[in-house]
Amino acid sequence: MTRKPLSSGKLKSAGYDESSRVMEIEFKNGDVFEYKGVSRELYRQLMVSPSPSSFFEDKIDEQFTARRIPKQGGVGADDAFDALFRDP
């Protein structure tokens, strides 16, 4: 999925797949999370928001379940820890 840059406090970029209704958010710390069931309109509103971080916190973070996407190039300690407790 191609992500577009965001000029925001903690968000680095966001991408959207319309066919699966999945949005990815990349944070400035390098973490990437996937949110399922997001509408195209909600993604559009995030991308044009004057404050994407606030929009994310208000409209996405608490409304949708997040799934961390493992970092490219290997498994980090956080990913290994998450894997221990992830639902099968």
PDB file of N, CA and C in Angstrom:
ATOM      1  N   MET A   1       0.852  -1.173   0.000  1.00  0.00           N
ATOM      2  CA  MET A   1       0.000   0.000   0.000  1.00  0.00           C
ATOM      3  C   MET A   1       0.903   1.243   0.000  1.00  0.00           C
ATOM      4  N   THR A   2       0.579   2.162  -0.834  1.00  0.00           N
ATOM      5  CA  THR A   2       1.331   3.412  -0.896  1.00  0.00           C
ATOM      6  C   THR A   2       0.765   4.380   0.128  1.00  0.00           C
ATOM      7  N   ARG A   3       1.644   4.918   0.954  1.00  0.00           N
ATOM      8  CA  ARG A   3       1.221   5.905   1.948  1.00  0.00           C
ATOM      9  C   ARG A   3       1.660   7.292   1.516  1.00  0.00           C
ATOM     10  N   LYS A   4       0.820   8.276   1.847  1.00  0.00           N
ATOM     11  CA  LYS A   4       1.116   9.674   1.526  1.00  0.00           C
ATOM     12  C   LYS A   4       1.543  10.388   2.798  1.00  0.00           C
ATOM     13  N   PRO A   5       2.519  11.286   2.677  1.00  0.00           N
ATOM     14  CA  PRO A   5       3.025  11.975   3.876  1.00  0.00           C
ATOM     15  C   PRO A   5       1.976  12.880   4.518  1.00  0.00           C
ATOM     16  N   LEU A   6       2.068  12.979   5.837  1.00  0.00           N
ATOM     17  CA  LEU A   6       1.218  13.876   6.616  1.00  0.00           C
ATOM     18  C   LEU A   6       2.119  14.843   7.377  1.00  0.00           C
ATOM     19  N   SER A   7       1.709  16.079   7.452  1.00  0.00           N
ATOM     20  CA  SER A   7       2.448  17.046   8.264  1.00  0.00           C
ATOM     21  C   SER A   7       1.717  17.159   9.592  1.00  0.00           C
ATOM     22  N   SER A   8       2.141  16.341  10.523  1.00  0.00           N
ATOM     23  CA  SER A   8       1.417  16.243  11.772  1.00  0.00           C
ATOM     24  C   SER A   8       2.372  15.888  12.894  1.00  0.00           C
ATOM     25  N   GLY A   9       1.956  16.144  14.124  1.00  0.00           N
ATOM     26  CA  GLY A   9       2.786  15.880  15.289  1.00  0.00           C
ATOM     27  C   GLY A   9       3.364  14.483  15.335  1.00  0.00           C
ATOM     28  N   LYS A  10       2.534  13.469  15.494  1.00  0.00           N
ATOM     29  CA  LYS A  10       3.055  12.113  15.659  1.00  0.00           C
ATOM     30  C   LYS A  10       2.853  11.218  14.441  1.00  0.00           C
ATOM     31  N   LEU A  11       2.101  11.687  13.457  1.00  0.00           N
ATOM     32  CA  LEU A  11       1.838  10.889  12.260  1.00  0.00           C
ATOM     33  C   LEU A  11       2.804  11.246  11.150  1.00  0.00           C
ATOM     34  N   LYS A  12       3.319  10.222  10.489  1.00  0.00           N
ATOM     35  CA  LYS A  12       4.248  10.440   9.380  1.00  0.00           C
ATOM     36  C   LYS A  12       3.556  10.305   8.027  1.00  0.00           C
ATOM     37  N   SER A  13       2.703   9.265   7.885  1.00  0.00           N
ATOM     38  CA  SER A  13       2.035   9.037   6.603  1.00  0.00           C
ATOM     39  C   SER A  13       0.803   8.168   6.798  1.00  0.00           C
ATOM     40  N   ALA A  14      -0.039   8.135   5.755  1.00  0.00           N
ATOM     41  CA  ALA A  14      -1.244   7.306   5.774  1.00  0.00           C
ATOM     42  C   ALA A  14      -1.517   6.797   4.366  1.00  0.00           C
ATOM     43  N   GLY A  15      -2.068   5.593   4.292  1.00  0.00           N
ATOM     44  CA  GLY A  15      -2.446   5.008   3.014  1.00  0.00           C
ATOM     45  C   GLY A  15      -3.789   4.324   3.148  1.00  0.00           C
ATOM     46  N   TYR A  16      -4.425   4.059   2.006  1.00  0.00           N
ATOM     47  CA  TYR A  16      -5.762   3.483   2.026  1.00  0.00           C
ATOM     48  C   TYR A  16      -5.937   2.541   0.854  1.00  0.00           C
ATOM     49  N   ASP A  17      -6.552   1.397   1.119  1.00  0.00           N
ATOM     50  CA  ASP A  17      -6.922   0.441   0.077  1.00  0.00           C
ATOM     51  C   ASP A  17      -8.443   0.384   0.043  1.00  0.00           C
ATOM     52  N   GLU A  18      -9.011   0.947  -1.006  1.00  0.00           N
ATOM     53  CA  GLU A  18     -10.474   1.058  -1.105  1.00  0.00           C
ATOM     54  C   GLU A  18     -11.150  -0.299  -1.217  1.00  0.00           C
ATOM     55  N   SER A  19     -10.532  -1.247  -1.914  1.00  0.00           N
ATOM     56  CA  SER A  19     -11.189  -2.546  -2.107  1.00  0.00           C
ATOM     57  C   SER A  19     -11.330  -3.323  -0.798  1.00  0.00           C
ATOM     58  N   SER A  20     -10.368  -3.192   0.102  1.00  0.00           N
ATOM     59  CA  SER A  20     -10.451  -3.899   1.383  1.00  0.00           C
ATOM     60  C   SER A  20     -10.872  -2.995   2.538  1.00  0.00           C
ATOM     61  N   ARG A  21     -10.984  -1.683   2.269  1.00  0.00           N
ATOM     62  CA  ARG A  21     -11.351  -0.690   3.283  1.00  0.00           C
ATOM     63  C   ARG A  21     -10.378  -0.711   4.465  1.00  0.00           C
ATOM     64  N   VAL A  22      -9.095  -0.813   4.122  1.00  0.00           N
ATOM     65  CA  VAL A  22      -8.044  -0.849   5.133  1.00  0.00           C
ATOM     66  C   VAL A  22      -7.204   0.411   5.011  1.00  0.00           C
ATOM     67  N   MET A  23      -6.945   1.039   6.155  1.00  0.00           N
ATOM     68  CA  MET A  23      -6.079   2.213   6.197  1.00  0.00           C
ATOM     69  C   MET A  23      -4.845   1.874   7.022  1.00  0.00           C
ATOM     70  N   GLU A  24      -3.693   2.323   6.542  1.00  0.00           N
ATOM     71  CA  GLU A  24      -2.453   2.192   7.285  1.00  0.00           C
ATOM     72  C   GLU A  24      -2.018   3.564   7.761  1.00  0.00           C
ATOM     73  N   ILE A  25      -1.559   3.622   9.002  1.00  0.00           N
ATOM     74  CA  ILE A  25      -1.007   4.845   9.568  1.00  0.00           C
ATOM     75  C   ILE A  25       0.424   4.542   9.986  1.00  0.00           C
ATOM     76  N   GLU A  26       1.360   5.359   9.504  1.00  0.00           N
ATOM     77  CA  GLU A  26       2.750   5.249   9.925  1.00  0.00           C
ATOM     78  C   GLU A  26       3.032   6.396  10.888  1.00  0.00           C
ATOM     79  N   PHE A  27       3.574   6.038  12.037  1.00  0.00           N
ATOM     80  CA  PHE A  27       3.907   7.034  13.045  1.00  0.00           C
ATOM     81  C   PHE A  27       5.367   7.451  12.908  1.00  0.00           C
ATOM     82  N   LYS A  28       5.694   8.600  13.435  1.00  0.00           N
ATOM     83  CA  LYS A  28       7.060   9.111  13.320  1.00  0.00           C
ATOM     84  C   LYS A  28       8.077   8.230  14.022  1.00  0.00           C
ATOM     85  N   ASN A  29       7.647   7.406  14.967  1.00  0.00           N
ATOM     86  CA  ASN A  29       8.577   6.498  15.641  1.00  0.00           C
ATOM     87  C   ASN A  29       8.847   5.235  14.823  1.00  0.00           C
ATOM     88  N   GLY A  30       8.218   5.123  13.645  1.00  0.00           N
ATOM     89  CA  GLY A  30       8.441   3.985  12.756  1.00  0.00           C
ATOM     90  C   GLY A  30       7.370   2.912  12.823  1.00  0.00           C
ATOM     91  N   ASP A  31       6.510   2.944  13.831  1.00  0.00           N
ATOM     92  CA  ASP A  31       5.430   1.955  13.929  1.00  0.00           C
ATOM     93  C   ASP A  31       4.405   2.185  12.825  1.00  0.00           C
ATOM     94  N   VAL A  32       3.866   1.081  12.303  1.00  0.00           N
ATOM     95  CA  VAL A  32       2.809   1.136  11.296  1.00  0.00           C
ATOM     96  C   VAL A  32       1.653   0.280  11.807  1.00  0.00           C
ATOM     97  N   PHE A  33       0.449   0.859  11.778  1.00  0.00           N
ATOM     98  CA  PHE A  33      -0.742   0.151  12.214  1.00  0.00           C
ATOM     99  C   PHE A  33      -1.767   0.136  11.096  1.00  0.00           C
ATOM    100  N   GLU A  34      -2.542  -0.946  11.077  1.00  0.00           N
ATOM    101  CA  GLU A  34      -3.589  -1.153  10.081  1.00  0.00           C
ATOM    102  C   GLU A  34      -4.945  -1.042  10.785  1.00  0.00           C
ATOM    103  N   TYR A  35      -5.864  -0.343  10.128  1.00  0.00           N
ATOM    104  CA  TYR A  35      -7.215  -0.160  10.652  1.00  0.00           C
ATOM    105  C   TYR A  35      -8.196  -0.657   9.598  1.00  0.00           C
ATOM    106  N   LYS A  36      -9.014  -1.661   9.947  1.00  0.00           N
ATOM    107  CA  LYS A  36      -9.966  -2.243   8.998  1.00  0.00           C
ATOM    108  C   LYS A  36     -11.332  -1.598   9.131  1.00  0.00           C
ATOM    109  N   GLY A  37     -12.066  -1.570   8.005  1.00  0.00           N
ATOM    110  CA  GLY A  37     -13.431  -1.063   7.993  1.00  0.00           C
ATOM    111  C   GLY A  37     -13.541   0.446   7.905  1.00  0.00           C
ATOM    112  N   VAL A  38     -12.463   1.101   7.510  1.00  0.00           N
ATOM    113  CA  VAL A  38     -12.445   2.561   7.402  1.00  0.00           C
ATOM    114  C   VAL A  38     -13.022   2.977   6.050  1.00  0.00           C
ATOM    115  N   SER A  39     -13.900   3.951   6.059  1.00  0.00           N
ATOM    116  CA  SER A  39     -14.497   4.410   4.803  1.00  0.00           C
ATOM    117  C   SER A  39     -13.513   5.308   4.039  1.00  0.00           C
ATOM    118  N   ARG A  40     -13.719   5.368   2.747  1.00  0.00           N
ATOM    119  CA  ARG A  40     -12.906   6.240   1.892  1.00  0.00           C
ATOM    120  C   ARG A  40     -13.053   7.704   2.342  1.00  0.00           C
ATOM    121  N   GLU A  41     -14.254   8.080   2.742  1.00  0.00           N
ATOM    122  CA  GLU A  41     -14.513   9.452   3.179  1.00  0.00           C
ATOM    123  C   GLU A  41     -13.745   9.792   4.454  1.00  0.00           C
ATOM    124  N   LEU A  42     -13.664   8.866   5.390  1.00  0.00           N
ATOM    125  CA  LEU A  42     -12.915   9.121   6.620  1.00  0.00           C
ATOM    126  C   LEU A  42     -11.421   9.281   6.318  1.00  0.00           C
ATOM    127  N   TYR A  43     -10.908   8.449   5.420  1.00  0.00           N
ATOM    128  CA  TYR A  43      -9.511   8.588   5.003  1.00  0.00           C
ATOM    129  C   TYR A  43      -9.286   9.953   4.340  1.00  0.00           C
ATOM    130  N   ARG A  44     -10.207  10.359   3.463  1.00  0.00           N
ATOM    131  CA  ARG A  44     -10.084  11.659   2.798  1.00  0.00           C
ATOM    132  C   ARG A  44     -10.076  12.794   3.817  1.00  0.00           C
ATOM    133  N   GLN A  45     -10.959  12.711   4.804  1.00  0.00           N
ATOM    134  CA  GLN A  45     -11.025  13.747   5.830  1.00  0.00           C
ATOM    135  C   GLN A  45      -9.729  13.826   6.630  1.00  0.00           C
ATOM    136  N   LEU A  46      -9.133  12.677   6.921  1.00  0.00           N
ATOM    137  CA  LEU A  46      -7.838  12.668   7.618  1.00  0.00           C
ATOM    138  C   LEU A  46      -6.786  13.399   6.802  1.00  0.00           C
ATOM    139  N   MET A  47      -6.744  13.097   5.507  1.00  0.00           N
ATOM    140  CA  MET A  47      -5.694  13.641   4.647  1.00  0.00           C
ATOM    141  C   MET A  47      -5.817  15.152   4.449  1.00  0.00           C
ATOM    142  N   VAL A  48      -7.017  15.703   4.536  1.00  0.00           N
ATOM    143  CA  VAL A  48      -7.195  17.145   4.328  1.00  0.00           C
ATOM    144  C   VAL A  48      -7.349  17.913   5.646  1.00  0.00           C
ATOM    145  N   SER A  49      -7.317  17.205   6.739  1.00  0.00           N
ATOM    146  CA  SER A  49      -7.493  17.852   8.039  1.00  0.00           C
ATOM    147  C   SER A  49      -6.340  18.808   8.331  1.00  0.00           C
ATOM    148  N   PRO A  50      -6.638  19.988   8.914  1.00  0.00           N
ATOM    149  CA  PRO A  50      -5.573  20.914   9.308  1.00  0.00           C
ATOM    150  C   PRO A  50      -4.738  20.357  10.464  1.00  0.00           C
ATOM    151  N   SER A  51      -5.291  19.396  11.208  1.00  0.00           N
ATOM    152  CA  SER A  51      -4.564  18.752  12.303  1.00  0.00           C
ATOM    153  C   SER A  51      -4.793  17.244  12.254  1.00  0.00           C
ATOM    154  N   PRO A  52      -4.040  16.542  11.380  1.00  0.00           N
ATOM    155  CA  PRO A  52      -4.257  15.098  11.240  1.00  0.00           C
ATOM    156  C   PRO A  52      -4.122  14.316  12.547  1.00  0.00           C
ATOM    157  N   SER A  53      -3.195  14.713  13.425  1.00  0.00           N
ATOM    158  CA  SER A  53      -3.041  13.997  14.697  1.00  0.00           C
ATOM    159  C   SER A  53      -4.312  14.084  15.538  1.00  0.00           C
ATOM    160  N   SER A  54      -4.884  15.271  15.641  1.00  0.00           N
ATOM    161  CA  SER A  54      -6.122  15.445  16.412  1.00  0.00           C
ATOM    162  C   SER A  54      -7.274  14.689  15.764  1.00  0.00           C
ATOM    163  N   PHE A  55      -7.368  14.760  14.433  1.00  0.00           N
ATOM    164  CA  PHE A  55      -8.423  14.032  13.718  1.00  0.00           C
ATOM    165  C   PHE A  55      -8.281  12.537  13.976  1.00  0.00           C
ATOM    166  N   PHE A  56      -7.056  12.028  13.885  1.00  0.00           N
ATOM    167  CA  PHE A  56      -6.793  10.615  14.129  1.00  0.00           C
ATOM    168  C   PHE A  56      -7.248  10.213  15.529  1.00  0.00           C
ATOM    169  N   GLU A  57      -6.870  10.998  16.530  1.00  0.00           N
ATOM    170  CA  GLU A  57      -7.233  10.679  17.910  1.00  0.00           C
ATOM    171  C   GLU A  57      -8.747  10.724  18.126  1.00  0.00           C
ATOM    172  N   ASP A  58      -9.412  11.696  17.505  1.00  0.00           N
ATOM    173  CA  ASP A  58     -10.857  11.876  17.703  1.00  0.00           C
ATOM    174  C   ASP A  58     -11.718  10.899  16.907  1.00  0.00           C
ATOM    175  N   LYS A  59     -11.312  10.583  15.692  1.00  0.00           N
ATOM    176  CA  LYS A  59     -12.191   9.843  14.774  1.00  0.00           C
ATOM    177  C   LYS A  59     -11.744   8.418  14.445  1.00  0.00           C
ATOM    178  N   ILE A  60     -10.479   8.097  14.682  1.00  0.00           N
ATOM    179  CA  ILE A  60      -9.984   6.800  14.232  1.00  0.00           C
ATOM    180  C   ILE A  60      -9.464   5.939  15.378  1.00  0.00           C
ATOM    181  N   ASP A  61      -8.593   6.495  16.188  1.00  0.00           N
ATOM    182  CA  ASP A  61      -7.881   5.731  17.205  1.00  0.00           C
ATOM    183  C   ASP A  61      -8.810   4.947  18.128  1.00  0.00           C
ATOM    184  N   GLU A  62      -9.867   5.555  18.606  1.00  0.00           N
ATOM    185  CA  GLU A  62     -10.758   4.873  19.539  1.00  0.00           C
ATOM    186  C   GLU A  62     -11.934   4.184  18.863  1.00  0.00           C
ATOM    187  N   GLN A  63     -12.141   4.437  17.584  1.00  0.00           N
ATOM    188  CA  GLN A  63     -13.282   3.858  16.867  1.00  0.00           C
ATOM    189  C   GLN A  63     -12.955   2.549  16.159  1.00  0.00           C
ATOM    190  N   PHE A  64     -11.674   2.337  15.832  1.00  0.00           N
ATOM    191  CA  PHE A  64     -11.277   1.174  15.043  1.00  0.00           C
ATOM    192  C   PHE A  64     -10.188   0.391  15.779  1.00  0.00           C
ATOM    193  N   THR A  65     -10.208  -0.919  15.601  1.00  0.00           N
ATOM    194  CA  THR A  65      -9.191  -1.770  16.192  1.00  0.00           C
ATOM    195  C   THR A  65      -7.930  -1.712  15.337  1.00  0.00           C
ATOM    196  N   ALA A  66      -6.800  -1.526  15.999  1.00  0.00           N
ATOM    197  CA  ALA A  66      -5.525  -1.429  15.297  1.00  0.00           C
ATOM    198  C   ALA A  66      -4.794  -2.761  15.335  1.00  0.00           C
ATOM    199  N   ARG A  67      -4.052  -3.015  14.256  1.00  0.00           N
ATOM    200  CA  ARG A  67      -3.167  -4.183  14.198  1.00  0.00           C
ATOM    201  C   ARG A  67      -1.806  -3.682  13.750  1.00  0.00           C
ATOM    202  N   ARG A  68      -0.789  -3.961  14.568  1.00  0.00           N
ATOM    203  CA  ARG A  68       0.564  -3.537  14.208  1.00  0.00           C
ATOM    204  C   ARG A  68       1.078  -4.358  13.045  1.00  0.00           C
ATOM    205  N   ILE A  69       1.663  -3.677  12.082  1.00  0.00           N
ATOM    206  CA  ILE A  69       2.277  -4.335  10.938  1.00  0.00           C
ATOM    207  C   ILE A  69       3.762  -4.472  11.243  1.00  0.00           C
ATOM    208  N   PRO A  70       4.303  -5.696  11.170  1.00  0.00           N
ATOM    209  CA  PRO A  70       5.724  -5.877  11.469  1.00  0.00           C
ATOM    210  C   PRO A  70       6.605  -5.010  10.578  1.00  0.00           C
ATOM    211  N   LYS A  71       7.681  -4.530  11.163  1.00  0.00           N
ATOM    212  CA  LYS A  71       8.620  -3.693  10.423  1.00  0.00           C
ATOM    213  C   LYS A  71       9.333  -4.515   9.364  1.00  0.00           C
ATOM    214  N   GLN A  72       9.661  -3.862   8.260  1.00  0.00           N
ATOM    215  CA  GLN A  72      10.397  -4.511   7.179  1.00  0.00           C
ATOM    216  C   GLN A  72      11.818  -4.812   7.650  1.00  0.00           C
ATOM    217  N   GLY A  73      12.377  -5.897   7.134  1.00  0.00           N
ATOM    218  CA  GLY A  73      13.777  -6.181   7.417  1.00  0.00           C
ATOM    219  C   GLY A  73      14.012  -6.942   8.709  1.00  0.00           C
ATOM    220  N   GLY A  74      13.015  -7.610   9.227  1.00  0.00           N
ATOM    221  CA  GLY A  74      13.243  -8.402  10.420  1.00  0.00           C
ATOM    222  C   GLY A  74      12.258  -8.069  11.519  1.00  0.00           C
ATOM    223  N   VAL A  75      12.315  -8.877  12.534  1.00  0.00           N
ATOM    224  CA  VAL A  75      11.408  -8.724  13.653  1.00  0.00           C
ATOM    225  C   VAL A  75      12.123  -7.987  14.771  1.00  0.00           C
ATOM    226  N   GLY A  76      11.522  -6.909  15.228  1.00  0.00           N
ATOM    227  CA  GLY A  76      12.071  -6.166  16.343  1.00  0.00           C
ATOM    228  C   GLY A  76      11.598  -6.755  17.656  1.00  0.00           C
ATOM    229  N   ALA A  77      12.147  -6.279  18.750  1.00  0.00           N
ATOM    230  CA  ALA A  77      11.784  -6.789  20.069  1.00  0.00           C
ATOM    231  C   ALA A  77      10.302  -6.569  20.357  1.00  0.00           C
ATOM    232  N   ASP A  78       9.775  -5.392  19.994  1.00  0.00           N
ATOM    233  CA  ASP A  78       8.351  -5.123  20.226  1.00  0.00           C
ATOM    234  C   ASP A  78       7.476  -6.086  19.445  1.00  0.00           C
ATOM    235  N   ASP A  79       7.864  -6.379  18.200  1.00  0.00           N
ATOM    236  CA  ASP A  79       7.079  -7.288  17.374  1.00  0.00           C
ATOM    237  C   ASP A  79       7.125  -8.706  17.934  1.00  0.00           C
ATOM    238  N   ALA A  80       8.299  -9.130  18.411  1.00  0.00           N
ATOM    239  CA  ALA A  80       8.427 -10.464  18.994  1.00  0.00           C
ATOM    240  C   ALA A  80       7.563 -10.576  20.251  1.00  0.00           C
ATOM    241  N   PHE A  81       7.573  -9.548  21.074  1.00  0.00           N
ATOM    242  CA  PHE A  81       6.741  -9.530  22.280  1.00  0.00           C
ATOM    243  C   PHE A  81       5.263  -9.609  21.908  1.00  0.00           C
ATOM    244  N   ASP A  82       4.844  -8.786  20.933  1.00  0.00           N
ATOM    245  CA  ASP A  82       3.450  -8.801  20.500  1.00  0.00           C
ATOM    246  C   ASP A  82       3.047 -10.176  19.970  1.00  0.00           C
ATOM    247  N   ALA A  83       3.946 -10.837  19.275  1.00  0.00           N
ATOM    248  CA  ALA A  83       3.648 -12.147  18.700  1.00  0.00           C
ATOM    249  C   ALA A  83       3.346 -13.176  19.787  1.00  0.00           C
ATOM    250  N   LEU A  84       3.954 -13.041  20.954  1.00  0.00           N
ATOM    251  CA  LEU A  84       3.709 -13.972  22.042  1.00  0.00           C
ATOM    252  C   LEU A  84       2.267 -13.930  22.534  1.00  0.00           C
ATOM    253  N   PHE A  85       1.641 -12.753  22.444  1.00  0.00           N
ATOM    254  CA  PHE A  85       0.321 -12.565  23.021  1.00  0.00           C
ATOM    255  C   PHE A  85      -0.777 -12.314  22.004  1.00  0.00           C
ATOM    256  N   ARG A  86      -0.445 -12.418  20.735  1.00  0.00           N
ATOM    257  CA  ARG A  86      -1.413 -12.199  19.659  1.00  0.00           C
ATOM    258  C   ARG A  86      -2.384 -13.349  19.579  1.00  0.00           C
ATOM    259  N   ASP A  87      -3.648 -13.041  19.258  1.00  0.00           N
ATOM    260  CA  ASP A  87      -4.639 -14.093  19.045  1.00  0.00           C
ATOM    261  C   ASP A  87      -4.251 -14.874  17.798  1.00  0.00           C
ATOM    262  N   PRO A  88      -4.401 -16.190  17.821  1.00  0.00           N
ATOM    263  CA  PRO A  88      -4.028 -17.003  16.641  1.00  0.00           C
ATOM    264  C   PRO A  88      -4.891 -16.741  15.451  1.00  0.00           C
TER     265      PRO A  88
END
